[in-house]
C-alpha cells in the first residue's frame, strides 16, 4: 500500500473510534447513571431536583366517614328504632 492510502485509512479508523467513544459518553451523560450513596440506590444525578411527594398521615380508622354516617343515621332514627317508627309498640325488630 502507498503511504498516502495508509494515512487516510488510519484517519478513518481513528475517526470511527472517536465517534464510538463520543456516542458512548454522550449516551451515558443523557441517561444518567445509577449510583449507590449511603445505602440508597439513586437512579440518576438529578435526584435532588425531583419534586418531593409528601402524603400526610391519615386517620387511624380508615372508614371514619362511613362510621360518622352510621352514627348520624342512628341519631336520626332516635327513638324510632330500626323499624323507622312504623311499629305500634311491642315490635320484635326494634324492641319498641
N, C-alpha and C. Protein backbone atom coordinates (compact mmCIF):
# COMPACT_ATOMS: atom_id res chain seq x y z
N UNK A 1 0.84 -1.18 0.00
CA UNK A 1 0.00 0.00 0.00
C UNK A 1 0.88 1.24 0.00
N UNK A 2 0.35 2.25 -0.61
CA UNK A 2 1.08 3.51 -0.64
C UNK A 2 0.93 4.21 0.70
N UNK A 3 1.90 5.01 1.11
CA UNK A 3 1.83 5.72 2.40
C UNK A 3 0.64 6.66 2.48
N UNK A 4 0.22 7.26 1.39
CA UNK A 4 -0.91 8.19 1.42
C UNK A 4 -2.21 7.45 1.71
N UNK A 5 -2.36 6.26 1.17
CA UNK A 5 -3.57 5.47 1.40
C UNK A 5 -3.60 4.98 2.84
N UNK A 6 -2.43 4.58 3.37
CA UNK A 6 -2.37 4.13 4.75
C UNK A 6 -2.75 5.24 5.72
N UNK A 7 -2.32 6.45 5.46
CA UNK A 7 -2.64 7.54 6.39
C UNK A 7 -4.13 7.88 6.33
N UNK A 8 -4.76 7.77 5.17
CA UNK A 8 -6.20 8.02 5.07
C UNK A 8 -6.96 6.92 5.81
N UNK A 9 -6.54 5.66 5.64
CA UNK A 9 -7.19 4.54 6.34
C UNK A 9 -7.02 4.69 7.85
N UNK A 10 -5.87 5.13 8.29
CA UNK A 10 -5.63 5.34 9.72
C UNK A 10 -6.50 6.46 10.27
N UNK A 11 -6.69 7.52 9.48
CA UNK A 11 -7.54 8.63 9.93
C UNK A 11 -8.99 8.18 10.04
N UNK A 12 -9.43 7.38 9.09
CA UNK A 12 -10.81 6.89 9.13
C UNK A 12 -11.01 5.98 10.34
N UNK A 13 -10.03 5.15 10.61
CA UNK A 13 -10.11 4.24 11.76
C UNK A 13 -10.16 5.03 13.07
N UNK A 14 -9.32 6.05 13.18
CA UNK A 14 -9.32 6.90 14.37
C UNK A 14 -10.63 7.67 14.49
N UNK A 15 -11.18 8.13 13.37
CA UNK A 15 -12.44 8.86 13.37
C UNK A 15 -13.58 7.95 13.85
N UNK A 16 -13.59 6.69 13.40
CA UNK A 16 -14.61 5.74 13.85
C UNK A 16 -14.49 5.49 15.35
N UNK A 17 -13.28 5.35 15.84
CA UNK A 17 -13.06 5.13 17.27
C UNK A 17 -13.50 6.34 18.09
N UNK A 18 -13.19 7.53 17.62
CA UNK A 18 -13.60 8.75 18.32
C UNK A 18 -15.12 8.89 18.31
N UNK A 19 -15.76 8.58 17.17
CA UNK A 19 -17.22 8.67 17.08
C UNK A 19 -17.88 7.68 18.04
N UNK A 20 -17.36 6.49 18.13
CA UNK A 20 -17.90 5.48 19.04
C UNK A 20 -17.76 5.93 20.49
N UNK A 21 -16.61 6.48 20.82
CA UNK A 21 -16.38 6.97 22.17
C UNK A 21 -17.32 8.14 22.49
N UNK A 22 -17.48 9.05 21.55
CA UNK A 22 -18.36 10.20 21.77
C UNK A 22 -19.81 9.77 21.95
N UNK A 23 -20.26 8.80 21.17
CA UNK A 23 -21.63 8.30 21.32
C UNK A 23 -21.81 7.63 22.68
N UNK A 24 -20.82 6.84 23.10
CA UNK A 24 -20.90 6.17 24.39
C UNK A 24 -20.94 7.15 25.55
N UNK A 25 -20.06 8.13 25.53
CA UNK A 25 -20.03 9.12 26.61
C UNK A 25 -21.29 9.98 26.58
N UNK A 26 -21.72 10.36 25.39
CA UNK A 26 -22.93 11.19 25.26
C UNK A 26 -24.17 10.48 25.76
N UNK A 27 -24.31 9.20 25.45
CA UNK A 27 -25.50 8.47 25.91
C UNK A 27 -25.45 8.27 27.42
N UNK A 28 -24.26 8.08 27.98
CA UNK A 28 -24.15 7.94 29.44
C UNK A 28 -24.51 9.25 30.14
N UNK A 29 -24.16 10.36 29.55
CA UNK A 29 -24.47 11.65 30.15
C UNK A 29 -25.96 11.97 30.04
N UNK A 30 -26.59 11.55 28.97
CA UNK A 30 -28.00 11.85 28.78
C UNK A 30 -28.91 10.95 29.60
N UNK A 31 -28.51 9.72 29.80
CA UNK A 31 -29.38 8.79 30.52
C UNK A 31 -29.15 8.83 32.02
N UNK A 32 -28.04 9.27 32.49
CA UNK A 32 -27.75 9.25 33.91
C UNK A 32 -27.24 7.89 34.32
N UNK A 33 -26.57 7.84 35.42
CA UNK A 33 -26.01 6.58 35.88
C UNK A 33 -26.57 6.27 37.26
N UNK A 34 -26.78 5.00 37.51
CA UNK A 34 -27.27 4.59 38.81
C UNK A 34 -26.09 4.53 39.77
N UNK A 35 -26.25 5.17 40.93
CA UNK A 35 -25.18 5.21 41.92
C UNK A 35 -25.70 4.72 43.27
N UNK A 36 -24.79 4.34 44.13
CA UNK A 36 -25.13 3.90 45.47
C UNK A 36 -24.53 4.89 46.45
N UNK A 37 -25.40 5.61 47.18
CA UNK A 37 -24.95 6.62 48.13
C UNK A 37 -25.61 6.33 49.48
N UNK A 38 -24.82 6.04 50.47
CA UNK A 38 -25.33 5.83 51.82
C UNK A 38 -26.33 4.68 51.91
N UNK A 39 -26.15 3.66 51.10
CA UNK A 39 -27.06 2.53 51.14
C UNK A 39 -28.29 2.70 50.27
N UNK A 40 -28.47 3.89 49.68
CA UNK A 40 -29.60 4.12 48.78
C UNK A 40 -29.14 3.96 47.34
N UNK A 41 -29.95 3.33 46.54
CA UNK A 41 -29.66 3.24 45.12
C UNK A 41 -30.39 4.38 44.44
N UNK A 42 -29.65 5.34 43.96
CA UNK A 42 -30.24 6.53 43.36
C UNK A 42 -30.24 6.38 41.84
N UNK A 43 -31.34 6.74 41.19
CA UNK A 43 -31.46 6.48 39.76
C UNK A 43 -30.59 7.35 38.87
N UNK A 44 -30.34 8.59 39.25
CA UNK A 44 -29.52 9.45 38.40
C UNK A 44 -28.93 10.58 39.24
N UNK A 45 -28.18 11.42 38.59
CA UNK A 45 -27.56 12.54 39.30
C UNK A 45 -28.56 13.66 39.55
N UNK A 46 -29.75 13.56 39.02
CA UNK A 46 -30.73 14.64 39.13
C UNK A 46 -31.77 14.38 40.21
N UNK A 47 -31.50 13.46 41.16
CA UNK A 47 -32.49 13.14 42.17
C UNK A 47 -32.76 14.32 43.11
N UNK A 48 -31.83 15.23 43.24
CA UNK A 48 -32.04 16.38 44.12
C UNK A 48 -33.03 17.37 43.54
N UNK A 49 -33.22 17.37 42.23
CA UNK A 49 -34.16 18.28 41.60
C UNK A 49 -35.56 17.68 41.49
N UNK A 50 -35.73 16.43 41.89
CA UNK A 50 -37.05 15.80 41.81
C UNK A 50 -38.00 16.47 42.79
N UNK A 51 -39.29 16.50 42.41
CA UNK A 51 -40.29 17.04 43.33
C UNK A 51 -40.55 16.01 44.42
N UNK A 52 -40.75 16.49 45.62
CA UNK A 52 -40.95 15.63 46.77
C UNK A 52 -42.44 15.37 46.93
N UNK A 53 -42.80 14.12 47.04
CA UNK A 53 -44.20 13.78 47.26
C UNK A 53 -44.38 13.48 48.74
N UNK A 54 -45.23 14.27 49.38
CA UNK A 54 -45.48 14.10 50.80
C UNK A 54 -46.94 13.74 50.99
N UNK A 55 -47.18 12.64 51.64
CA UNK A 55 -48.53 12.21 51.94
C UNK A 55 -48.71 12.28 53.45
N UNK A 56 -49.52 13.22 53.95
CA UNK A 56 -49.69 13.32 55.40
C UNK A 56 -50.37 12.07 55.96
N UNK A 57 -50.14 11.85 57.24
CA UNK A 57 -50.73 10.68 57.90
C UNK A 57 -52.25 10.83 57.92
N UNK A 58 -52.93 9.77 57.60
CA UNK A 58 -54.38 9.78 57.57
C UNK A 58 -54.94 9.40 58.93
N UNK A 59 -56.25 9.30 59.00
CA UNK A 59 -56.86 8.91 60.28
C UNK A 59 -56.53 7.46 60.60
N UNK A 60 -56.56 7.14 61.89
CA UNK A 60 -56.27 5.78 62.32
C UNK A 60 -57.32 4.81 61.79
N UNK A 61 -58.57 5.25 61.84
CA UNK A 61 -59.65 4.40 61.34
C UNK A 61 -59.87 4.76 59.87
N UNK A 62 -59.71 3.80 59.01
CA UNK A 62 -59.78 4.05 57.57
C UNK A 62 -61.19 4.39 57.10
N UNK A 63 -62.18 3.95 57.81
CA UNK A 63 -63.57 4.18 57.40
C UNK A 63 -64.24 5.21 58.30
N UNK A 64 -63.56 6.31 58.59
CA UNK A 64 -64.11 7.30 59.53
C UNK A 64 -65.35 7.98 58.96
N UNK A 65 -65.39 8.24 57.66
CA UNK A 65 -66.57 8.88 57.07
C UNK A 65 -67.78 7.96 57.14
N UNK A 66 -67.56 6.67 56.89
CA UNK A 66 -68.66 5.73 56.95
C UNK A 66 -69.17 5.58 58.38
N UNK A 67 -68.26 5.55 59.35
CA UNK A 67 -68.66 5.44 60.76
C UNK A 67 -69.45 6.67 61.18
N UNK A 68 -69.02 7.85 60.73
CA UNK A 68 -69.75 9.08 61.06
C UNK A 68 -71.14 9.07 60.43
N UNK A 69 -71.25 8.56 59.21
CA UNK A 69 -72.56 8.48 58.55
C UNK A 69 -73.48 7.52 59.29
N UNK A 70 -72.95 6.37 59.75
CA UNK A 70 -73.76 5.42 60.50
C UNK A 70 -74.22 6.01 61.83
N UNK A 71 -73.31 6.76 62.48
CA UNK A 71 -73.65 7.38 63.75
C UNK A 71 -74.74 8.43 63.55
N UNK A 72 -74.63 9.23 62.48
CA UNK A 72 -75.65 10.23 62.19
C UNK A 72 -76.99 9.57 61.86
N UNK A 73 -76.94 8.45 61.16
CA UNK A 73 -78.17 7.72 60.82
C UNK A 73 -78.86 7.20 62.08
N UNK A 74 -78.05 6.63 62.98
CA UNK A 74 -78.62 6.12 64.22
C UNK A 74 -79.19 7.25 65.07
N UNK A 75 -78.53 8.39 65.06
CA UNK A 75 -79.03 9.54 65.82
C UNK A 75 -80.31 10.06 65.19
N UNK A 76 -80.37 10.02 63.87
CA UNK A 76 -81.57 10.47 63.15
C UNK A 76 -82.76 9.57 63.46
N UNK A 77 -82.49 8.26 63.59
CA UNK A 77 -83.56 7.34 63.93
C UNK A 77 -84.08 7.61 65.34
N UNK A 78 -83.16 7.95 66.23
CA UNK A 78 -83.53 8.27 67.61
C UNK A 78 -84.33 7.17 68.25
N UNK A 79 -85.51 7.50 68.75
CA UNK A 79 -86.38 6.54 69.43
C UNK A 79 -87.18 5.70 68.44
N UNK A 80 -87.10 6.00 67.17
CA UNK A 80 -87.89 5.26 66.19
C UNK A 80 -87.42 3.83 66.06
N UNK A 81 -86.17 3.54 66.40
CA UNK A 81 -85.66 2.18 66.30
C UNK A 81 -85.33 1.82 64.86
N UNK A 82 -85.09 0.54 64.61
CA UNK A 82 -84.71 0.12 63.27
C UNK A 82 -85.89 0.02 62.33
N UNK A 83 -87.11 0.04 62.88
CA UNK A 83 -88.29 -0.06 62.02
C UNK A 83 -88.63 1.29 61.39
N UNK A 84 -88.01 2.35 61.83
CA UNK A 84 -88.33 3.67 61.29
C UNK A 84 -89.54 4.30 61.96
N UNK A 85 -89.99 3.74 63.07
CA UNK A 85 -91.12 4.32 63.79
C UNK A 85 -92.45 3.88 63.25
N UNK A 86 -92.49 2.88 62.40
CA UNK A 86 -93.76 2.43 61.80
C UNK A 86 -94.48 1.41 62.67
N UNK A 87 -93.82 0.94 63.72
CA UNK A 87 -94.45 -0.08 64.55
C UNK A 87 -95.35 0.60 65.59
N UNK A 88 -96.34 -0.17 66.09
CA UNK A 88 -97.31 0.37 67.05
C UNK A 88 -96.99 -0.07 68.47
N UNK A 89 -95.77 -0.47 68.70
CA UNK A 89 -95.36 -0.94 70.03
C UNK A 89 -95.31 -2.45 70.05
N UNK A 90 -94.49 -3.00 70.91
CA UNK A 90 -94.34 -4.46 71.03
C UNK A 90 -93.63 -5.06 69.80
N UNK A 91 -92.85 -4.27 69.14
CA UNK A 91 -92.16 -4.73 67.94
C UNK A 91 -90.97 -5.63 68.32
N UNK A 92 -90.84 -6.76 67.66
CA UNK A 92 -89.73 -7.68 67.92
C UNK A 92 -88.44 -7.19 67.28
N UNK A 93 -88.55 -6.40 66.22
CA UNK A 93 -87.38 -5.95 65.49
C UNK A 93 -86.62 -4.88 66.25
N UNK A 94 -87.31 -3.88 66.75
CA UNK A 94 -86.62 -2.77 67.40
C UNK A 94 -86.80 -2.75 68.91
N UNK A 95 -87.65 -3.60 69.44
CA UNK A 95 -87.87 -3.63 70.88
C UNK A 95 -88.65 -2.41 71.35
N UNK A 96 -89.35 -1.79 70.51
CA UNK A 96 -90.09 -0.56 70.77
C UNK A 96 -91.48 -0.87 71.29
